[in-house]
């Protein structure tokens, strides 16, 4: 596995140059699909094939826009991150592991452009998702992460999410996380 670029050689202010999280439009779908595929390809190269290697299509992104709220973060005119929030529970989530609440939101498909990772953009996305949840209104953010080296569980814990369970869904090991709002 290649070692990441040392922080000292990276642009230290990428996050400060990124704009806020905004609702995506249908015109953003091709760029969102390309961003998610680039991240999937990077994970596959670094960790081998897995569920994270799944293809992402423009059609799939457009479907997500119809069933949830898809957000993007831009740096200039380029999308550097995306995520989606929904009130409908994703298929891989078993609610019995989570704190009982009335208005949970589900965070899925969070992706940061591979060249922009480890520069604070993911944290900005989580912070913005927390604020969006407060105004939605929502009382919790729930998500799952791969229970594997390619998973983002440690990142979510650093952002304030609490681990609430480990499951295997259709052969894919997952870790559940929640953040009460």
Protein backbone atom coordinates (compact mmCIF):
# COMPACT_ATOMS: atom_id res chain seq x y z
CA UNK A 1 0.00 0.00 0.00
CA UNK A 2 1.49 3.36 -0.99
CA UNK A 3 2.10 5.79 1.84
CA UNK A 4 0.03 8.97 1.83
CA UNK A 5 1.63 12.24 0.85
CA UNK A 6 3.10 13.88 3.97
CA UNK A 7 0.96 16.71 5.25
CA UNK A 8 3.90 19.09 4.95
CA UNK A 9 3.88 18.64 1.16
CA UNK A 10 0.14 19.11 0.83
CA UNK A 11 -1.71 22.35 0.37
CA UNK A 12 -2.63 23.19 3.97
CA UNK A 13 -5.67 25.29 3.18
CA UNK A 14 -7.72 23.10 0.84
CA UNK A 15 -10.59 22.98 3.34
CA UNK A 16 -10.53 26.74 3.81
CA UNK A 17 -10.83 27.22 0.04
CA UNK A 18 -13.77 24.82 -0.27
CA UNK A 19 -17.19 26.37 -0.25
CA UNK A 20 -20.07 25.29 1.93
CA UNK A 21 -22.23 22.24 1.36
CA UNK A 22 -25.05 23.03 -1.08
CA UNK A 23 -27.93 21.04 -2.51
CA UNK A 24 -26.90 19.32 -5.73
CA UNK A 25 -28.78 19.74 -8.98
CA UNK A 26 -29.37 17.28 -11.81
CA UNK A 27 -26.59 19.05 -13.71
CA UNK A 28 -24.17 17.89 -10.97
CA UNK A 29 -25.02 14.19 -11.42
CA UNK A 30 -22.24 13.35 -13.92
CA UNK A 31 -19.59 15.00 -11.73
CA UNK A 32 -20.93 13.31 -8.58
CA UNK A 33 -20.87 9.90 -10.27
CA UNK A 34 -17.30 10.53 -11.51
CA UNK A 35 -16.17 11.64 -8.03
CA UNK A 36 -17.66 8.56 -6.37
CA UNK A 37 -16.11 6.27 -9.01
CA UNK A 38 -12.69 7.90 -8.52
CA UNK A 39 -12.93 7.26 -4.78
CA UNK A 40 -14.09 3.66 -5.37
CA UNK A 41 -11.20 3.07 -7.78
CA UNK A 42 -8.72 4.48 -5.25
CA UNK A 43 -10.06 2.23 -2.47
CA UNK A 44 -9.92 -0.79 -4.78
CA UNK A 45 -6.29 -0.07 -5.72
CA UNK A 46 -5.31 0.42 -2.07
CA UNK A 47 -7.33 -2.36 -0.40
CA UNK A 48 -8.33 -4.73 -3.19
CA UNK A 49 -11.81 -5.46 -4.51
CA UNK A 50 -14.71 -5.21 -2.08
CA UNK A 51 -18.20 -3.80 -1.78
CA UNK A 52 -16.58 -0.35 -2.06
CA UNK A 53 -15.61 -1.26 -5.66
CA UNK A 54 -19.21 -0.95 -6.88
CA UNK A 55 -19.87 1.12 -9.98
CA UNK A 56 -21.70 4.43 -9.63
CA UNK A 57 -23.78 5.79 -12.49
CA UNK A 58 -25.29 9.15 -13.32
CA UNK A 59 -28.67 7.40 -13.34
CA UNK A 60 -28.07 6.15 -9.78
CA UNK A 61 -27.15 9.65 -8.62
CA UNK A 62 -30.31 11.07 -10.20
CA UNK A 63 -32.37 8.41 -8.42
CA UNK A 64 -30.74 9.39 -5.13
CA UNK A 65 -31.71 13.01 -5.82
CA UNK A 66 -35.34 11.96 -6.15
CA UNK A 67 -35.38 9.94 -2.91
CA UNK A 68 -33.13 12.02 -0.65
CA UNK A 69 -31.17 15.25 -0.51
CA UNK A 70 -27.79 15.07 -2.23
CA UNK A 71 -25.29 17.77 -1.34
CA UNK A 72 -21.99 18.84 -2.85
CA UNK A 73 -19.04 20.91 -1.72
CA UNK A 74 -17.10 22.79 -4.36
CA UNK A 75 -13.63 24.23 -4.59
CA UNK A 76 -13.96 26.77 -7.35
CA UNK A 77 -16.14 25.14 -9.97
CA UNK A 78 -15.03 21.58 -9.12
CA UNK A 79 -17.00 19.27 -6.81
CA UNK A 80 -14.61 17.99 -4.12
CA UNK A 81 -17.12 16.21 -1.87
CA UNK A 82 -20.64 14.87 -1.82
CA UNK A 83 -23.01 13.24 0.62
CA UNK A 84 -26.65 12.45 0.89
CA UNK A 85 -29.13 12.73 3.75
CA UNK A 86 -32.44 10.90 3.85
CA UNK A 87 -35.27 10.22 6.22
CA UNK A 88 -35.82 6.73 4.78
CA UNK A 89 -33.72 3.99 6.35
CA UNK A 90 -31.21 2.38 3.97
CA UNK A 91 -31.58 -1.35 3.40
CA UNK A 92 -28.42 -2.26 5.36
CA UNK A 93 -29.44 -0.49 8.59
CA UNK A 94 -31.04 -2.40 11.45
CA UNK A 95 -32.64 0.24 13.67
CA UNK A 96 -32.57 -1.99 16.75
CA UNK A 97 -28.89 -1.02 17.25
CA UNK A 98 -29.58 2.70 17.48
CA UNK A 99 -30.91 5.05 20.14
CA UNK A 100 -34.67 5.39 19.86
CA UNK A 101 -35.51 8.76 18.33
CA UNK A 102 -38.33 10.31 16.37
CA UNK A 103 -36.58 11.93 13.37
CA UNK A 104 -33.32 10.19 12.45
CA UNK A 105 -31.52 11.13 9.27
CA UNK A 106 -29.34 8.67 7.38
CA UNK A 107 -25.99 9.81 6.00
CA UNK A 108 -24.87 7.79 2.98
CA UNK A 109 -22.60 8.08 -0.03
CA UNK A 110 -20.23 10.54 1.65
CA UNK A 111 -17.25 10.90 -0.66
CA UNK A 112 -14.28 13.24 -0.77
CA UNK A 113 -12.19 13.48 -3.94
CA UNK A 114 -9.09 11.30 -3.45
CA UNK A 115 -6.71 14.24 -4.03
CA UNK A 116 -8.57 16.32 -1.43
CA UNK A 117 -8.67 13.70 1.34
CA UNK A 118 -6.93 14.24 4.67
CA UNK A 119 -7.21 18.00 4.32
CA UNK A 120 -10.28 18.75 6.44
CA UNK A 121 -12.98 18.53 3.78
CA UNK A 122 -14.56 15.40 5.25
CA UNK A 123 -14.79 17.06 8.66
CA UNK A 124 -16.38 20.13 7.03
CA UNK A 125 -18.95 17.83 5.40
CA UNK A 126 -19.80 16.15 8.72
CA UNK A 127 -20.08 19.52 10.47
CA UNK A 128 -22.35 20.82 7.69
CA UNK A 129 -24.47 17.62 7.82
CA UNK A 130 -24.89 18.14 11.58
CA UNK A 131 -26.15 21.70 10.97
CA UNK A 132 -28.45 20.53 8.19
CA UNK A 133 -29.86 17.87 10.53
CA UNK A 134 -30.60 20.50 13.19
CA UNK A 135 -32.58 22.59 10.73
CA UNK A 136 -34.25 19.66 8.91
CA UNK A 137 -35.34 19.00 11.79
CA UNK A 138 -33.64 15.77 12.74
CA UNK A 139 -32.66 14.40 16.11
CA UNK A 140 -29.89 11.99 15.04
CA UNK A 141 -27.61 11.13 12.14
CA UNK A 142 -27.12 7.43 11.52
CA UNK A 143 -24.73 5.70 9.14
CA UNK A 144 -22.83 2.55 8.44
CA UNK A 145 -19.20 2.11 7.44
CA UNK A 146 -17.36 -0.91 6.10
CA UNK A 147 -15.85 -2.98 8.89
CA UNK A 148 -12.59 -3.31 6.95
CA UNK A 149 -9.37 -1.42 6.40
CA UNK A 150 -11.13 0.49 3.59
CA UNK A 151 -13.88 1.60 5.96
CA UNK A 152 -14.19 5.12 7.34
CA UNK A 153 -15.13 4.12 10.89
CA UNK A 154 -12.13 5.77 12.60
CA UNK A 155 -12.86 9.00 10.70
CA UNK A 156 -16.49 9.05 11.86
CA UNK A 157 -15.42 8.42 15.45
CA UNK A 158 -13.02 11.38 15.28
CA UNK A 159 -15.92 13.49 14.03
CA UNK A 160 -18.03 12.67 17.09
CA UNK A 161 -20.06 9.67 15.95
CA UNK A 162 -20.59 6.88 18.45
CA UNK A 163 -20.17 3.26 17.40
CA UNK A 164 -23.38 1.34 18.18
CA UNK A 165 -22.91 -2.09 16.62
CA UNK A 166 -21.24 -4.51 14.24
CA UNK A 167 -23.28 -6.50 11.73
CA UNK A 168 -22.84 -8.45 8.54
CA UNK A 169 -25.40 -7.64 5.89
CA UNK A 170 -25.49 -9.84 2.78
CA UNK A 171 -21.89 -10.86 3.39
CA UNK A 172 -20.62 -7.31 3.97
CA UNK A 173 -19.28 -6.55 7.48
CA UNK A 174 -20.49 -3.14 8.67
CA UNK A 175 -20.12 -0.90 11.70
CA UNK A 176 -23.07 1.28 12.71
CA UNK A 177 -22.52 4.82 13.98
CA UNK A 178 -24.82 7.53 15.28
CA UNK A 179 -24.63 11.13 16.34
CA UNK A 180 -27.47 12.51 18.46
CA UNK A 181 -28.38 16.07 17.61
